[in-house]
N, C-alpha and C. Protein backbone atom coordinates (compact mmCIF):
# COMPACT_ATOMS: atom_id res chain seq x y z
N UNK A 1 -8.28 -8.90 46.60
CA UNK A 1 -10.00 -8.23 46.36
C UNK A 1 -10.65 -7.34 47.10
N UNK A 2 -11.57 -6.48 46.60
CA UNK A 2 -12.15 -5.76 47.20
C UNK A 2 -13.41 -5.33 47.26
N UNK A 3 -14.03 -5.10 48.70
CA UNK A 3 -14.92 -6.03 49.37
C UNK A 3 -15.77 -6.29 48.93
N UNK A 4 -16.24 -5.27 47.29
CA UNK A 4 -17.63 -5.24 47.22
C UNK A 4 -17.68 -6.45 46.31
N UNK A 5 -15.89 -7.21 45.94
CA UNK A 5 -16.45 -8.16 45.06
C UNK A 5 -17.20 -8.89 45.79
N UNK A 6 -16.29 -9.67 46.90
CA UNK A 6 -16.69 -10.60 48.16
C UNK A 6 -17.68 -10.72 48.37
N UNK A 7 -18.59 -9.27 48.78
CA UNK A 7 -20.32 -8.61 48.88
C UNK A 7 -21.13 -9.61 47.92
N UNK A 8 -20.67 -8.70 46.46
CA UNK A 8 -21.03 -9.01 45.55
C UNK A 8 -21.13 -10.79 45.15
N UNK A 9 -20.09 -12.36 45.83
CA UNK A 9 -20.31 -12.69 45.77
C UNK A 9 -20.58 -13.58 46.32
N UNK A 10 -20.51 -13.26 47.78
CA UNK A 10 -21.98 -13.96 48.86
C UNK A 10 -23.95 -13.73 48.80
N UNK A 11 -23.22 -12.64 47.96
CA UNK A 11 -24.78 -12.38 47.33
C UNK A 11 -25.13 -12.99 45.80
N UNK A 12 -24.67 -13.32 45.69
CA UNK A 12 -24.80 -14.64 44.25
C UNK A 12 -25.28 -16.10 44.53
N UNK A 13 -23.96 -16.20 45.92
CA UNK A 13 -24.22 -17.92 46.29
C UNK A 13 -25.67 -17.73 47.08
N UNK A 14 -25.75 -16.21 47.92
CA UNK A 14 -27.21 -16.58 48.47
C UNK A 14 -28.39 -16.59 47.58
N UNK A 15 -28.58 -16.33 46.78
CA UNK A 15 -29.02 -15.97 45.67
C UNK A 15 -29.38 -17.33 44.81
N UNK A 16 -28.41 -18.13 44.49
CA UNK A 16 -28.29 -19.32 43.76
C UNK A 16 -29.70 -20.09 44.99
N UNK A 17 -29.08 -19.86 45.59
CA UNK A 17 -29.36 -20.47 47.18
C UNK A 17 -30.84 -20.71 47.37
N UNK A 18 -31.33 -19.89 47.24
CA UNK A 18 -32.39 -18.89 47.40
C UNK A 18 -33.06 -19.46 46.05
N UNK A 19 -32.61 -18.81 44.89
CA UNK A 19 -33.92 -19.51 43.87
C UNK A 19 -33.95 -20.64 43.77
N UNK A 20 -32.95 -22.38 44.59
CA UNK A 20 -32.68 -23.39 44.16
C UNK A 20 -33.91 -24.11 45.34
N UNK A 21 -34.06 -23.34 46.00
CA UNK A 21 -34.46 -23.62 47.27
C UNK A 21 -36.46 -23.42 46.86
N UNK A 22 -36.84 -22.40 46.58
CA UNK A 22 -37.75 -21.94 45.53
C UNK A 22 -38.23 -22.62 44.58
N UNK A 23 -37.46 -23.13 43.84
CA UNK A 23 -38.08 -24.29 42.97
C UNK A 23 -37.87 -25.88 43.11
N UNK A 24 -36.93 -25.85 44.46
CA UNK A 24 -37.87 -27.11 44.75
C UNK A 24 -39.29 -27.13 45.70
N UNK A 25 -39.07 -25.92 46.03
CA UNK A 25 -40.26 -25.49 47.16
C UNK A 25 -42.00 -25.50 46.13
N UNK A 26 -40.88 -25.24 44.90
CA UNK A 26 -42.27 -24.57 44.20
C UNK A 26 -42.63 -23.63 44.47
N UNK A 27 -42.07 -22.56 44.68
CA UNK A 27 -42.79 -21.05 45.83
C UNK A 27 -42.35 -20.23 44.45
N UNK A 28 -43.22 -19.40 44.13
CA UNK A 28 -42.65 -18.82 42.74
C UNK A 28 -42.00 -17.50 43.34
N UNK A 29 -42.70 -16.78 44.50
CA UNK A 29 -42.14 -15.76 45.13
C UNK A 29 -40.35 -15.75 45.33
N UNK A 30 -40.25 -17.46 46.53
CA UNK A 30 -38.95 -17.71 46.42
C UNK A 30 -38.02 -16.97 45.60
N UNK A 31 -38.11 -18.42 44.58
CA UNK A 31 -37.61 -18.17 43.51
C UNK A 31 -36.97 -16.67 42.91
N UNK A 32 -38.62 -15.90 42.94
CA UNK A 32 -38.30 -15.06 42.13
C UNK A 32 -37.57 -13.64 42.71
N UNK A 33 -37.10 -13.96 44.58
CA UNK A 33 -36.35 -13.16 45.53
C UNK A 33 -34.92 -13.68 44.78
N UNK A 34 -34.82 -14.68 45.14
CA UNK A 34 -33.86 -15.69 45.06
C UNK A 34 -32.99 -14.79 43.94
N UNK A 35 -33.91 -15.00 42.25
CA UNK A 35 -33.21 -14.18 41.39
C UNK A 35 -32.85 -12.72 40.90
N UNK A 36 -33.22 -11.88 42.35
CA UNK A 36 -33.53 -10.82 42.12
C UNK A 36 -31.79 -10.48 42.95
N UNK A 37 -31.34 -11.35 44.50
CA UNK A 37 -30.76 -11.13 44.84
C UNK A 37 -29.53 -11.66 44.07
N UNK A 38 -29.59 -12.70 43.51
CA UNK A 38 -28.74 -13.17 43.02
C UNK A 38 -28.21 -11.99 41.51
N UNK A 39 -28.68 -12.11 40.94
CA UNK A 39 -28.62 -10.46 39.82
C UNK A 39 -27.60 -9.45 40.79
N UNK A 40 -28.36 -9.03 42.65
CA UNK A 40 -27.48 -7.93 42.26
C UNK A 40 -26.09 -8.24 42.90
N UNK A 41 -25.37 -9.58 43.40
CA UNK A 41 -24.79 -10.10 43.79
C UNK A 41 -24.24 -10.14 42.72
N UNK A 42 -24.28 -10.18 41.53
CA UNK A 42 -23.82 -9.60 39.83
C UNK A 42 -22.87 -9.17 39.91
N UNK A 43 -24.41 -8.09 40.09
CA UNK A 43 -24.01 -6.45 39.55
C UNK A 43 -22.16 -5.20 40.52
N UNK A 44 -22.70 -6.02 41.80
CA UNK A 44 -22.12 -5.88 43.15
C UNK A 44 -20.41 -6.34 42.96
N UNK A 45 -20.50 -7.73 42.37
CA UNK A 45 -18.77 -7.85 42.27
C UNK A 45 -18.92 -7.50 41.12
N UNK A 46 -19.59 -7.48 39.76
CA UNK A 46 -18.30 -5.96 38.60
C UNK A 46 -18.48 -5.28 39.42
N UNK A 47 -18.94 -4.48 40.41
CA UNK A 47 -18.70 -3.28 40.82
C UNK A 47 -17.24 -2.81 41.76
N UNK A 48 -17.26 -3.98 42.30
CA UNK A 48 -16.39 -4.77 42.88
C UNK A 48 -14.84 -4.38 41.39
N UNK A 49 -14.73 -5.06 40.19
CA UNK A 49 -13.84 -6.01 39.96
C UNK A 49 -13.30 -4.32 38.87
N UNK A 50 -14.70 -3.67 38.93
CA UNK A 50 -14.61 -2.20 37.75
C UNK A 50 -13.43 -2.01 38.70
N UNK A 51 -13.33 -1.41 40.18
CA UNK A 51 -12.81 -0.53 41.07
C UNK A 51 -11.49 -1.15 41.07
N UNK A 52 -11.30 -2.55 41.10
CA UNK A 52 -9.83 -3.55 41.32
C UNK A 52 -9.02 -2.75 40.28
N UNK A 53 -10.02 -2.93 38.35
CA UNK A 53 -9.05 -2.80 37.46
C UNK A 53 -8.76 -1.43 36.66
N UNK A 54 -9.21 -0.22 37.98
CA UNK A 54 -8.91 1.32 37.46
C UNK A 54 -7.12 1.59 37.86
N UNK A 55 -6.72 1.79 39.30
CA UNK A 55 -5.31 2.39 39.22
C UNK A 55 -4.47 1.35 37.86
N UNK A 56 -5.17 -0.37 38.10
CA UNK A 56 -4.19 -1.00 37.04
C UNK A 56 -4.34 -0.35 35.40
N UNK A 57 -5.79 0.23 34.82
CA UNK A 57 -4.93 0.78 34.09
C UNK A 57 -4.79 2.04 33.36
N UNK A 58 -5.04 2.91 35.10
CA UNK A 58 -4.25 4.21 35.05
C UNK A 58 -3.01 4.21 34.94
N UNK A 59 -2.45 3.21 35.89
CA UNK A 59 -0.21 3.10 35.91
C UNK A 59 -0.24 2.71 33.79
N UNK A 60 -1.04 1.88 33.83
CA UNK A 60 -0.35 1.25 32.65
C UNK A 60 -0.51 2.63 31.22
N UNK A 61 -1.48 3.43 31.21
CA UNK A 61 -1.63 4.43 30.71
C UNK A 61 -0.65 5.71 30.83
N UNK A 62 -0.66 5.90 32.95
CA UNK A 62 0.69 6.53 32.62
C UNK A 62 2.00 6.36 31.81
N UNK A 63 2.58 4.92 31.85
CA UNK A 63 3.71 3.80 31.40
C UNK A 63 3.66 4.53 30.33
N UNK A 64 2.81 3.57 28.97
CA UNK A 64 3.05 4.80 27.79
C UNK A 64 2.98 5.81 27.57
N UNK A 65 2.11 6.54 28.44
CA UNK A 65 3.00 8.22 28.19
C UNK A 65 3.97 8.96 28.21
N UNK A 66 4.82 7.85 29.54
CA UNK A 66 5.92 8.17 29.95
C UNK A 66 7.17 7.59 28.36
N UNK A 67 6.53 6.82 27.85
CA UNK A 67 7.59 5.81 26.83
C UNK A 67 7.59 7.23 26.15
N UNK A 68 5.67 7.47 25.20
CA UNK A 68 5.97 7.87 24.52
C UNK A 68 6.49 9.25 24.40
N UNK A 69 6.85 10.00 25.41
CA UNK A 69 7.41 11.25 25.96
C UNK A 69 8.99 10.89 25.59
N UNK A 70 9.24 9.85 25.75
CA UNK A 70 10.61 9.37 26.06
C UNK A 70 11.56 9.17 24.67
N UNK A 71 10.84 8.65 23.57
CA UNK A 71 11.01 8.38 22.40
C UNK A 71 10.61 10.09 21.60
N UNK A 72 10.20 11.00 22.01
CA UNK A 72 9.88 11.85 21.54
C UNK A 72 11.18 12.29 21.47
N UNK A 73 11.30 13.28 23.25
CA UNK A 73 12.48 13.76 22.87
C UNK A 73 14.25 12.91 22.22
N UNK A 74 14.05 11.61 22.56
CA UNK A 74 14.59 11.14 21.65
C UNK A 74 15.07 11.83 19.87
N UNK A 75 14.39 11.11 19.23
CA UNK A 75 14.11 11.70 17.99
C UNK A 75 13.97 13.07 18.26
N UNK A 76 13.43 14.33 18.59
CA UNK A 76 13.75 15.89 18.42
C UNK A 76 15.40 16.25 18.40
N UNK A 77 16.26 15.10 19.46
CA UNK A 77 17.28 14.99 19.55
C UNK A 77 18.22 15.01 18.83
N UNK A 78 17.88 13.71 17.73
CA UNK A 78 18.67 13.18 16.24
C UNK A 78 18.21 14.19 15.62
N UNK A 79 16.55 15.12 15.09
CA UNK A 79 16.53 15.99 14.47
C UNK A 79 17.82 16.79 14.83
N UNK A 80 17.67 17.87 15.53
CA UNK A 80 18.66 18.89 15.63
C UNK A 80 20.38 18.58 15.89
N UNK A 81 20.61 16.79 15.75
CA UNK A 81 21.86 17.07 15.57
C UNK A 81 22.18 16.68 14.34
N UNK A 82 21.09 16.02 13.25
CA UNK A 82 21.42 16.56 11.62
C UNK A 82 21.49 17.49 10.99
N UNK A 83 20.20 18.80 11.10
CA UNK A 83 20.04 19.57 11.25
C UNK A 83 22.03 20.72 11.80
N UNK A 84 22.33 20.05 12.71
CA UNK A 84 24.24 20.75 13.34
C UNK A 84 24.91 20.34 11.84
N UNK A 85 24.71 19.20 12.03
CA UNK A 85 26.00 18.37 10.84
C UNK A 85 26.16 19.37 9.04
N UNK A 86 24.50 19.51 9.15
CA UNK A 86 24.08 19.06 7.55
C UNK A 86 23.18 20.51 7.27
N UNK A 87 23.84 21.81 8.11
CA UNK A 87 22.51 23.39 7.65
C UNK A 87 22.12 23.76 6.44
N UNK A 88 23.07 22.82 5.11
CA UNK A 88 22.41 23.73 4.04
C UNK A 88 21.90 22.56 3.54
N UNK A 89 21.84 21.52 3.88
CA UNK A 89 21.27 19.83 3.42
C UNK A 89 19.61 20.63 4.30
N UNK A 90 19.23 20.92 5.66
CA UNK A 90 18.30 21.32 5.95
C UNK A 90 17.03 22.65 5.48
N UNK A 91 18.38 23.46 5.59
CA UNK A 91 17.73 24.76 4.60
C UNK A 91 17.07 24.50 3.80
N UNK A 92 17.43 23.47 2.13
CA UNK A 92 17.32 23.33 1.53
C UNK A 92 16.23 22.37 1.05
N UNK A 93 16.34 21.10 1.85
CA UNK A 93 14.58 20.82 2.72
C UNK A 93 13.74 22.12 2.77
N UNK A 94 13.66 22.28 4.09
CA UNK A 94 12.65 23.48 4.96
C UNK A 94 12.15 24.49 3.67
N UNK A 95 13.17 24.65 2.82
CA UNK A 95 12.82 25.32 1.33
C UNK A 95 12.07 24.98 0.38
N UNK A 96 12.53 23.80 0.10
CA UNK A 96 11.74 23.09 -0.17
C UNK A 96 9.69 22.88 0.22
N UNK A 97 10.21 22.52 1.20
CA UNK A 97 8.88 21.88 1.55
C UNK A 97 7.93 23.46 1.99
N UNK A 98 8.25 23.71 2.70
CA UNK A 98 7.55 25.55 2.44
C UNK A 98 6.87 26.04 1.22
N UNK A 99 8.37 25.24 -0.14
CA UNK A 99 7.19 26.03 -1.23
C UNK A 99 5.72 25.31 -1.93
N UNK A 100 6.58 23.66 -1.64
CA UNK A 100 5.64 22.05 -1.67
C UNK A 100 3.85 23.41 -1.07
N UNK A 101 4.27 22.93 -0.07
CA UNK A 101 3.35 23.42 0.90
C UNK A 101 2.35 25.44 -0.11
N UNK A 102 2.79 25.84 -0.33
CA UNK A 102 2.49 26.99 -0.59
C UNK A 102 1.51 27.28 -1.78
N UNK A 103 2.56 25.60 -2.80
CA UNK A 103 1.66 25.21 -4.06
C UNK A 103 0.48 24.71 -3.84
N UNK A 104 0.34 24.46 -2.67
CA UNK A 104 -1.56 22.96 -2.49
C UNK A 104 -2.33 24.51 -1.59
N UNK A 105 -1.79 25.27 -0.87
CA UNK A 105 -2.44 26.66 -0.37
C UNK A 105 -2.85 27.28 -1.22
N UNK A 106 -2.54 27.55 -2.69
CA UNK A 106 -2.69 28.75 -2.90
C UNK A 106 -4.44 29.44 -3.72
N UNK A 107 -4.65 29.87 -3.66
CA UNK A 107 -6.38 29.45 -4.10
C UNK A 107 -6.15 30.12 -6.28
N UNK A 108 -7.08 29.34 -6.44
CA UNK A 108 -6.84 29.60 -8.44
C UNK A 108 -7.13 30.25 -9.06
N UNK A 109 -6.61 30.47 -9.79
CA UNK A 109 -6.59 32.11 -10.04
C UNK A 109 -8.20 32.16 -10.56
N UNK A 110 -9.24 33.29 -10.95
CA UNK A 110 -10.53 32.46 -10.88
C UNK A 110 -10.26 32.44 -13.01
N UNK A 111 -11.60 31.74 -13.57
CA UNK A 111 -11.81 31.90 -14.78
C UNK A 111 -12.51 32.83 -15.39
N UNK A 112 -11.46 33.18 -16.63
CA UNK A 112 -12.13 34.18 -17.44
C UNK A 112 -12.99 33.52 -17.93
N UNK A 113 -14.70 34.00 -18.76
CA UNK A 113 -15.33 33.23 -19.36
C UNK A 113 -15.21 34.59 -20.85
N UNK A 114 -15.18 33.47 -22.59
CA UNK A 114 -15.14 33.95 -23.35
C UNK A 114 -15.83 33.38 -24.57
N UNK A 115 -16.07 34.62 -24.99
CA UNK A 115 -16.78 33.72 -25.99
C UNK A 115 -18.03 34.88 -25.80
N UNK A 116 -18.69 34.49 -27.54
CA UNK A 116 -19.76 35.36 -27.28
C UNK A 116 -20.77 35.74 -26.57
N UNK A 117 -21.43 34.39 -26.13
CA UNK A 117 -22.61 34.56 -24.63
C UNK A 117 -22.24 35.19 -23.81
N UNK A 118 -21.02 35.43 -23.43
CA UNK A 118 -20.94 36.19 -22.33
C UNK A 118 -20.62 37.25 -22.38
N UNK A 119 -20.43 38.66 -22.94
CA UNK A 119 -20.14 39.78 -23.15
C UNK A 119 -21.11 39.99 -22.67
C-alpha cells in the first residue's frame, strides 16, 4: 500500500471526525474545515490508488504486446510455408489481388458531352 493512500485515509478519517464534532457543537467553521480535510484526504487516497495501479497497467500492456507479437510472427511463418508449398497458387492470388486493386484505383474516363447544345 502506498504512503499516499495511508495519509489520505488518515486525513479522511480526521476530517470525518472534525466534521462530526463541528456538527455536534454547532460550529460551522469546524464543520467546514472537517469537510475540506475529508475531501483532501479522499483526493490523496485516490492519487495513491492511481500510483499503485500504474505499474499493473504497464505490465498488462507489455504482456498484451508480447502476445500480439508472437501471434503475428506465427502467422507470417504460416503464410511463408503456404507460399513455399504452392508457389503458383500464391502467384495467381497475388495477381488477382493486384488486378482488383488496379480496377478500384483507376480514374474513370471523362464523359463526353453530346448533343446540339454542347457543341
